[in-house]
Amino acid sequence: MPSSTSFRLSEQAKARLQRLADEDGISATALLERLILEGIETLDHPGIVYRGPTSDRRPAVAGGPDVWEIVARRRELPGAEEERIETLAEESGVQPRQIRLALEFAVRHPEDVDRRIARREEAIRESQQAAEQRRTYLA
């Protein structure tokens, strides 16, 4: 359950926070909480950044793919762990150390990563079903 906490912010910080919150259509408190949590995660995992709209913030490797994309592709690859990492690095142009960082992040946040992978798999299934329905209908 949320609890009340008091922070003193400069007028400039408050104004910018409110402006960004208004642009995103959320409260300044919700934006501040998101910024704090994302900031802590980026301190814990240097090289991980967050991107995307307010409704779908995703952790990603700086300059590279989303964490869930790395994990999904890693699961598809055969071989030992280091072989998979090397293949991923070659395919994505992301350094092996960044891939390891993404995998470490995923281990600490499996629910989010698994949820995103499941959403992708469901979208693929729906797309395949729609294509099959079109083929059947137009045959």
N, C-alpha and C. Protein backbone atom coordinates (compact mmCIF):
# COMPACT_ATOMS: atom_id res chain seq x y z
N MET A 1 0.84 -1.17 0.00
CA MET A 1 0.00 0.00 0.00
C MET A 1 0.89 1.24 0.00
N PRO A 2 0.58 2.20 -0.86
CA PRO A 2 1.38 3.42 -0.91
C PRO A 2 1.33 4.18 0.42
N SER A 3 2.43 4.81 0.73
CA SER A 3 2.48 5.64 1.92
C SER A 3 2.96 7.03 1.52
N SER A 4 2.62 7.99 2.32
CA SER A 4 2.96 9.38 2.03
C SER A 4 4.41 9.66 2.42
N THR A 5 5.12 10.33 1.52
CA THR A 5 6.50 10.73 1.76
C THR A 5 6.64 12.17 1.31
N SER A 6 7.41 12.93 2.01
CA SER A 6 7.58 14.34 1.67
C SER A 6 8.98 14.56 1.09
N PHE A 7 9.02 15.28 -0.04
CA PHE A 7 10.28 15.67 -0.66
C PHE A 7 10.24 17.17 -0.90
N ARG A 8 11.39 17.78 -0.78
CA ARG A 8 11.48 19.20 -1.14
C ARG A 8 12.16 19.27 -2.51
N LEU A 9 11.46 19.86 -3.45
CA LEU A 9 11.98 20.02 -4.80
C LEU A 9 12.08 21.49 -5.14
N SER A 10 13.06 21.83 -5.94
CA SER A 10 13.16 23.22 -6.39
C SER A 10 11.95 23.54 -7.25
N GLU A 11 11.66 24.81 -7.38
CA GLU A 11 10.53 25.23 -8.22
C GLU A 11 10.75 24.78 -9.67
N GLN A 12 12.01 24.84 -10.13
CA GLN A 12 12.32 24.42 -11.49
C GLN A 12 12.02 22.92 -11.66
N ALA A 13 12.44 22.11 -10.69
CA ALA A 13 12.20 20.67 -10.78
C ALA A 13 10.70 20.37 -10.73
N LYS A 14 9.97 21.05 -9.85
CA LYS A 14 8.53 20.84 -9.75
C LYS A 14 7.83 21.22 -11.05
N ALA A 15 8.23 22.33 -11.63
CA ALA A 15 7.60 22.79 -12.88
C ALA A 15 7.86 21.81 -14.02
N ARG A 16 9.09 21.36 -14.12
CA ARG A 16 9.43 20.40 -15.20
C ARG A 16 8.71 19.07 -14.98
N LEU A 17 8.69 18.61 -13.74
CA LEU A 17 7.99 17.37 -13.42
C LEU A 17 6.52 17.48 -13.79
N GLN A 18 5.88 18.57 -13.42
CA GLN A 18 4.46 18.76 -13.71
C GLN A 18 4.21 18.85 -15.21
N ARG A 19 5.10 19.55 -15.93
CA ARG A 19 4.94 19.68 -17.38
C ARG A 19 5.02 18.31 -18.05
N LEU A 20 6.02 17.52 -17.67
CA LEU A 20 6.16 16.17 -18.25
C LEU A 20 4.98 15.27 -17.88
N ALA A 21 4.53 15.36 -16.64
CA ALA A 21 3.39 14.56 -16.20
C ALA A 21 2.15 14.94 -17.00
N ASP A 22 1.93 16.23 -17.19
CA ASP A 22 0.79 16.69 -17.98
C ASP A 22 0.87 16.17 -19.41
N GLU A 23 2.05 16.22 -20.00
CA GLU A 23 2.23 15.72 -21.37
C GLU A 23 1.92 14.23 -21.47
N ASP A 24 2.27 13.48 -20.42
CA ASP A 24 2.03 12.03 -20.41
C ASP A 24 0.63 11.68 -19.92
N GLY A 25 -0.10 12.67 -19.41
CA GLY A 25 -1.44 12.40 -18.92
C GLY A 25 -1.48 11.62 -17.62
N ILE A 26 -0.46 11.83 -16.79
CA ILE A 26 -0.40 11.15 -15.49
C ILE A 26 -0.13 12.19 -14.41
N SER A 27 -0.24 11.78 -13.18
CA SER A 27 0.04 12.69 -12.08
C SER A 27 1.54 12.88 -11.91
N ALA A 28 1.90 14.01 -11.32
CA ALA A 28 3.32 14.25 -11.02
C ALA A 28 3.85 13.18 -10.08
N THR A 29 3.03 12.72 -9.15
CA THR A 29 3.45 11.67 -8.22
C THR A 29 3.74 10.37 -8.96
N ALA A 30 2.88 10.00 -9.91
CA ALA A 30 3.10 8.77 -10.68
C ALA A 30 4.38 8.87 -11.51
N LEU A 31 4.60 10.03 -12.11
CA LEU A 31 5.82 10.22 -12.89
C LEU A 31 7.05 10.17 -11.99
N LEU A 32 7.00 10.82 -10.85
CA LEU A 32 8.12 10.82 -9.92
C LEU A 32 8.43 9.40 -9.45
N GLU A 33 7.40 8.62 -9.15
CA GLU A 33 7.63 7.24 -8.73
C GLU A 33 8.29 6.43 -9.85
N ARG A 34 7.81 6.59 -11.08
CA ARG A 34 8.42 5.88 -12.21
C ARG A 34 9.87 6.28 -12.38
N LEU A 35 10.16 7.58 -12.30
CA LEU A 35 11.53 8.04 -12.46
C LEU A 35 12.44 7.49 -11.37
N ILE A 36 11.94 7.44 -10.16
CA ILE A 36 12.74 6.91 -9.05
C ILE A 36 13.03 5.43 -9.27
N LEU A 37 11.99 4.66 -9.57
CA LEU A 37 12.19 3.22 -9.76
C LEU A 37 13.10 2.92 -10.95
N GLU A 38 12.88 3.60 -12.06
CA GLU A 38 13.75 3.39 -13.22
C GLU A 38 15.17 3.84 -12.92
N GLY A 39 15.32 4.94 -12.20
CA GLY A 39 16.65 5.42 -11.84
C GLY A 39 17.40 4.42 -10.97
N ILE A 40 16.71 3.84 -10.02
CA ILE A 40 17.35 2.83 -9.16
C ILE A 40 17.78 1.62 -9.99
N GLU A 41 16.90 1.18 -10.90
CA GLU A 41 17.25 0.04 -11.76
C GLU A 41 18.47 0.36 -12.63
N THR A 42 18.55 1.56 -13.17
CA THR A 42 19.71 1.89 -14.01
C THR A 42 20.98 2.03 -13.18
N LEU A 43 20.85 2.40 -11.92
CA LEU A 43 22.03 2.39 -11.04
C LEU A 43 22.45 0.95 -10.72
N ASP A 44 21.47 0.08 -10.51
CA ASP A 44 21.77 -1.33 -10.23
C ASP A 44 22.30 -2.06 -11.46
N HIS A 45 21.90 -1.60 -12.65
CA HIS A 45 22.27 -2.27 -13.90
C HIS A 45 22.77 -1.23 -14.91
N PRO A 46 23.98 -0.72 -14.71
CA PRO A 46 24.49 0.28 -15.66
C PRO A 46 24.52 -0.29 -17.08
N GLY A 47 23.95 0.46 -18.00
CA GLY A 47 23.86 -0.01 -19.38
C GLY A 47 22.44 -0.39 -19.77
N ILE A 48 21.56 -0.49 -18.78
CA ILE A 48 20.14 -0.72 -19.04
C ILE A 48 19.46 0.64 -19.03
N VAL A 49 18.63 0.89 -20.04
CA VAL A 49 17.87 2.13 -20.13
C VAL A 49 16.39 1.76 -20.26
N TYR A 50 15.54 2.74 -20.08
CA TYR A 50 14.11 2.54 -20.27
C TYR A 50 13.65 3.37 -21.45
N ARG A 51 12.78 2.78 -22.25
CA ARG A 51 12.25 3.50 -23.41
C ARG A 51 10.79 3.16 -23.59
N GLY A 52 10.15 3.96 -24.40
CA GLY A 52 8.75 3.73 -24.71
C GLY A 52 7.84 4.71 -24.01
N PRO A 53 6.58 4.68 -24.40
CA PRO A 53 5.60 5.61 -23.82
C PRO A 53 5.29 5.25 -22.37
N THR A 54 4.65 6.16 -21.69
CA THR A 54 4.30 5.95 -20.29
C THR A 54 3.56 4.65 -20.08
N SER A 55 2.70 4.29 -21.00
CA SER A 55 1.88 3.09 -20.84
C SER A 55 2.64 1.80 -21.10
N ASP A 56 3.86 1.90 -21.63
CA ASP A 56 4.61 0.68 -21.98
C ASP A 56 6.11 0.92 -21.88
N ARG A 57 6.59 1.25 -20.69
CA ARG A 57 8.02 1.46 -20.49
C ARG A 57 8.71 0.11 -20.49
N ARG A 58 9.81 0.02 -21.26
CA ARG A 58 10.52 -1.24 -21.41
C ARG A 58 12.00 -1.07 -21.12
N PRO A 59 12.58 -2.01 -20.35
CA PRO A 59 14.03 -1.98 -20.17
C PRO A 59 14.72 -2.50 -21.43
N ALA A 60 15.83 -1.86 -21.76
CA ALA A 60 16.57 -2.22 -22.97
C ALA A 60 18.05 -2.01 -22.71
N VAL A 61 18.85 -2.61 -23.58
CA VAL A 61 20.29 -2.38 -23.57
C VAL A 61 20.51 -1.03 -24.25
N ALA A 62 21.31 -0.17 -23.66
CA ALA A 62 21.59 1.14 -24.25
C ALA A 62 22.10 0.94 -25.67
N GLY A 63 21.41 1.55 -26.64
CA GLY A 63 21.81 1.43 -28.03
C GLY A 63 21.49 0.10 -28.66
N GLY A 64 20.69 -0.71 -27.98
CA GLY A 64 20.39 -2.04 -28.50
C GLY A 64 18.94 -2.42 -28.28
N PRO A 65 18.67 -3.71 -28.37
CA PRO A 65 17.29 -4.19 -28.26
C PRO A 65 16.76 -4.18 -26.83
N ASP A 66 15.46 -4.39 -26.72
CA ASP A 66 14.83 -4.54 -25.42
C ASP A 66 15.34 -5.81 -24.75
N VAL A 67 15.32 -5.82 -23.42
CA VAL A 67 15.77 -6.99 -22.67
C VAL A 67 14.97 -8.22 -23.06
N TRP A 68 13.65 -8.08 -23.17
CA TRP A 68 12.82 -9.24 -23.49
C TRP A 68 13.19 -9.82 -24.85
N GLU A 69 13.58 -8.98 -25.80
CA GLU A 69 13.96 -9.47 -27.13
C GLU A 69 15.23 -10.32 -27.05
N ILE A 70 16.17 -9.89 -26.23
CA ILE A 70 17.40 -10.65 -26.05
C ILE A 70 17.10 -12.01 -25.42
N VAL A 71 16.26 -12.00 -24.39
CA VAL A 71 15.92 -13.26 -23.71
C VAL A 71 15.16 -14.19 -24.65
N ALA A 72 14.21 -13.65 -25.40
CA ALA A 72 13.42 -14.49 -26.31
C ALA A 72 14.33 -15.14 -27.35
N ARG A 73 15.22 -14.36 -27.92
CA ARG A 73 16.12 -14.93 -28.93
C ARG A 73 17.09 -15.93 -28.32
N ARG A 74 17.59 -15.65 -27.13
CA ARG A 74 18.49 -16.58 -26.45
C ARG A 74 17.82 -17.93 -26.23
N ARG A 75 16.54 -17.92 -25.87
CA ARG A 75 15.80 -19.16 -25.65
C ARG A 75 15.66 -19.97 -26.94
N GLU A 76 15.66 -19.31 -28.07
CA GLU A 76 15.51 -19.99 -29.35
C GLU A 76 16.80 -20.66 -29.83
N LEU A 77 17.92 -20.19 -29.33
CA LEU A 77 19.21 -20.66 -29.84
C LEU A 77 19.66 -21.95 -29.16
N PRO A 78 20.25 -22.85 -29.94
CA PRO A 78 20.81 -24.07 -29.34
C PRO A 78 22.22 -23.81 -28.83
N GLY A 79 22.74 -24.74 -28.08
CA GLY A 79 24.13 -24.68 -27.67
C GLY A 79 24.32 -24.23 -26.24
N ALA A 80 25.60 -24.20 -25.87
CA ALA A 80 25.98 -23.76 -24.52
C ALA A 80 25.75 -22.26 -24.38
N GLU A 81 25.72 -21.82 -23.16
CA GLU A 81 25.42 -20.41 -22.87
C GLU A 81 26.34 -19.45 -23.62
N GLU A 82 27.63 -19.67 -23.57
CA GLU A 82 28.55 -18.74 -24.23
C GLU A 82 28.39 -18.76 -25.75
N GLU A 83 28.05 -19.91 -26.30
CA GLU A 83 27.79 -19.98 -27.74
C GLU A 83 26.56 -19.14 -28.09
N ARG A 84 25.53 -19.24 -27.27
CA ARG A 84 24.32 -18.46 -27.50
C ARG A 84 24.61 -16.96 -27.41
N ILE A 85 25.40 -16.59 -26.43
CA ILE A 85 25.75 -15.17 -26.26
C ILE A 85 26.53 -14.67 -27.47
N GLU A 86 27.47 -15.45 -27.94
CA GLU A 86 28.26 -15.05 -29.12
C GLU A 86 27.37 -14.92 -30.36
N THR A 87 26.45 -15.86 -30.53
CA THR A 87 25.53 -15.78 -31.67
C THR A 87 24.65 -14.54 -31.56
N LEU A 88 24.14 -14.29 -30.38
CA LEU A 88 23.33 -13.10 -30.16
C LEU A 88 24.12 -11.82 -30.47
N ALA A 89 25.35 -11.79 -30.03
CA ALA A 89 26.21 -10.62 -30.27
C ALA A 89 26.40 -10.40 -31.76
N GLU A 90 26.66 -11.47 -32.48
CA GLU A 90 26.85 -11.37 -33.94
C GLU A 90 25.57 -10.92 -34.62
N GLU A 91 24.44 -11.47 -34.21
CA GLU A 91 23.16 -11.13 -34.84
C GLU A 91 22.71 -9.70 -34.56
N SER A 92 22.95 -9.25 -33.35
CA SER A 92 22.39 -7.97 -32.92
C SER A 92 23.36 -6.80 -32.97
N GLY A 93 24.65 -7.11 -33.05
CA GLY A 93 25.64 -6.03 -32.99
C GLY A 93 25.83 -5.50 -31.58
N VAL A 94 25.29 -6.20 -30.59
CA VAL A 94 25.42 -5.83 -29.18
C VAL A 94 26.58 -6.61 -28.58
N GLN A 95 27.37 -5.95 -27.78
CA GLN A 95 28.53 -6.59 -27.16
C GLN A 95 28.10 -7.72 -26.22
N PRO A 96 28.88 -8.80 -26.13
CA PRO A 96 28.54 -9.90 -25.22
C PRO A 96 28.31 -9.43 -23.78
N ARG A 97 29.09 -8.47 -23.31
CA ARG A 97 28.90 -8.00 -21.93
C ARG A 97 27.53 -7.34 -21.76
N GLN A 98 27.02 -6.68 -22.82
CA GLN A 98 25.69 -6.07 -22.76
C GLN A 98 24.61 -7.15 -22.74
N ILE A 99 24.85 -8.21 -23.47
CA ILE A 99 23.89 -9.32 -23.47
C ILE A 99 23.85 -9.96 -22.09
N ARG A 100 25.01 -10.16 -21.49
CA ARG A 100 25.05 -10.71 -20.13
C ARG A 100 24.32 -9.79 -19.15
N LEU A 101 24.49 -8.49 -19.32
CA LEU A 101 23.80 -7.52 -18.47
C LEU A 101 22.29 -7.66 -18.63
N ALA A 102 21.82 -7.78 -19.88
CA ALA A 102 20.39 -7.94 -20.12
C ALA A 102 19.87 -9.23 -19.49
N LEU A 103 20.64 -10.30 -19.60
CA LEU A 103 20.22 -11.58 -19.01
C LEU A 103 20.19 -11.49 -17.49
N GLU A 104 21.17 -10.81 -16.91
CA GLU A 104 21.17 -10.61 -15.46
C GLU A 104 19.95 -9.81 -15.03
N PHE A 105 19.64 -8.75 -15.78
CA PHE A 105 18.47 -7.94 -15.48
C PHE A 105 17.21 -8.82 -15.55
N ALA A 106 17.11 -9.64 -16.58
CA ALA A 106 15.94 -10.49 -16.77
C ALA A 106 15.76 -11.47 -15.61
N VAL A 107 16.86 -12.00 -15.10
CA VAL A 107 16.78 -12.92 -13.97
C VAL A 107 16.19 -12.22 -12.74
N ARG A 108 16.47 -10.93 -12.60
CA ARG A 108 15.93 -10.18 -11.46
C ARG A 108 14.49 -9.70 -11.69
N HIS A 109 14.03 -9.76 -12.95
CA HIS A 109 12.68 -9.29 -13.29
C HIS A 109 11.99 -10.28 -14.23
N PRO A 110 11.89 -11.54 -13.83
CA PRO A 110 11.36 -12.55 -14.76
C PRO A 110 9.89 -12.34 -15.13
N GLU A 111 9.08 -11.82 -14.22
CA GLU A 111 7.66 -11.66 -14.53
C GLU A 111 7.45 -10.70 -15.69
N ASP A 112 8.15 -9.57 -15.66
CA ASP A 112 8.00 -8.58 -16.72
C ASP A 112 8.50 -9.14 -18.06
N VAL A 113 9.65 -9.77 -18.04
CA VAL A 113 10.23 -10.32 -19.27
C VAL A 113 9.33 -11.42 -19.83
N ASP A 114 8.89 -12.33 -18.99
CA ASP A 114 8.03 -13.42 -19.45
C ASP A 114 6.70 -12.90 -19.98
N ARG A 115 6.15 -11.86 -19.35
CA ARG A 115 4.89 -11.27 -19.81
C ARG A 115 5.05 -10.68 -21.20
N ARG A 116 6.16 -9.99 -21.44
CA ARG A 116 6.40 -9.40 -22.76
C ARG A 116 6.61 -10.47 -23.83
N ILE A 117 7.32 -11.52 -23.48
CA ILE A 117 7.53 -12.62 -24.43
C ILE A 117 6.20 -13.29 -24.74
N ALA A 118 5.38 -13.51 -23.73
CA ALA A 118 4.07 -14.13 -23.94
C ALA A 118 3.19 -13.25 -24.83
N ARG A 119 3.24 -11.94 -24.64
CA ARG A 119 2.47 -11.03 -25.50
C ARG A 119 2.92 -11.15 -26.95
N ARG A 120 4.22 -11.24 -27.16
CA ARG A 120 4.74 -11.39 -28.53
C ARG A 120 4.28 -12.69 -29.14
N GLU A 121 4.37 -13.78 -28.37
CA GLU A 121 3.95 -15.08 -28.89
C GLU A 121 2.46 -15.09 -29.22
N GLU A 122 1.65 -14.44 -28.39
CA GLU A 122 0.21 -14.36 -28.65
C GLU A 122 -0.05 -13.53 -29.91
N ALA A 123 0.67 -12.45 -30.10
CA ALA A 123 0.51 -11.63 -31.31
C ALA A 123 0.88 -12.43 -32.56
N ILE A 124 1.92 -13.25 -32.45
CA ILE A 124 2.32 -14.10 -33.59
C ILE A 124 1.21 -15.11 -33.89
N ARG A 125 0.67 -15.75 -32.85
CA ARG A 125 -0.42 -16.72 -33.05
C ARG A 125 -1.63 -16.05 -33.70
N GLU A 126 -2.01 -14.89 -33.21
CA GLU A 126 -3.15 -14.18 -33.78
C GLU A 126 -2.91 -13.81 -35.23
N SER A 127 -1.71 -13.38 -35.54
CA SER A 127 -1.37 -13.03 -36.91
C SER A 127 -1.43 -14.25 -37.82
N GLN A 128 -0.93 -15.38 -37.35
CA GLN A 128 -0.97 -16.61 -38.13
C GLN A 128 -2.41 -17.07 -38.35
N GLN A 129 -3.25 -16.95 -37.33
CA GLN A 129 -4.65 -17.32 -37.46
C GLN A 129 -5.36 -16.42 -38.47
N ALA A 130 -5.08 -15.12 -38.39
CA ALA A 130 -5.69 -14.18 -39.34
C ALA A 130 -5.25 -14.49 -40.76
N ALA A 131 -3.98 -14.81 -40.96
CA ALA A 131 -3.49 -15.16 -42.29
C ALA A 131 -4.17 -16.42 -42.80
N GLU A 132 -4.33 -17.41 -41.94
CA GLU A 132 -5.00 -18.65 -42.34
C GLU A 132 -6.47 -18.38 -42.68
N GLN A 133 -7.13 -17.54 -41.91
CA GLN A 133 -8.52 -17.19 -42.20
C GLN A 133 -8.63 -16.47 -43.55
N ARG A 134 -7.70 -15.60 -43.85
CA ARG A 134 -7.70 -14.90 -45.15
C ARG A 134 -7.52 -15.90 -46.28
N ARG A 135 -6.56 -16.82 -46.10
CA ARG A 135 -6.34 -17.83 -47.15
C ARG A 135 -7.58 -18.67 -47.37
N THR A 136 -8.22 -19.09 -46.31
CA THR A 136 -9.43 -19.91 -46.40
C THR A 136 -10.56 -19.11 -47.04
N TYR A 137 -10.74 -17.91 -46.61
CA TYR A 137 -11.83 -17.07 -47.09
C TYR A 137 -11.65 -16.71 -48.56
N LEU A 138 -10.43 -16.42 -48.93
CA LEU A 138 -10.16 -15.97 -50.31
C LEU A 138 -9.86 -17.09 -51.28
N ALA A 139 -9.85 -18.34 -50.81
CA ALA A 139 -9.55 -19.48 -51.68
C ALA A 139 -10.68 -19.78 -52.64
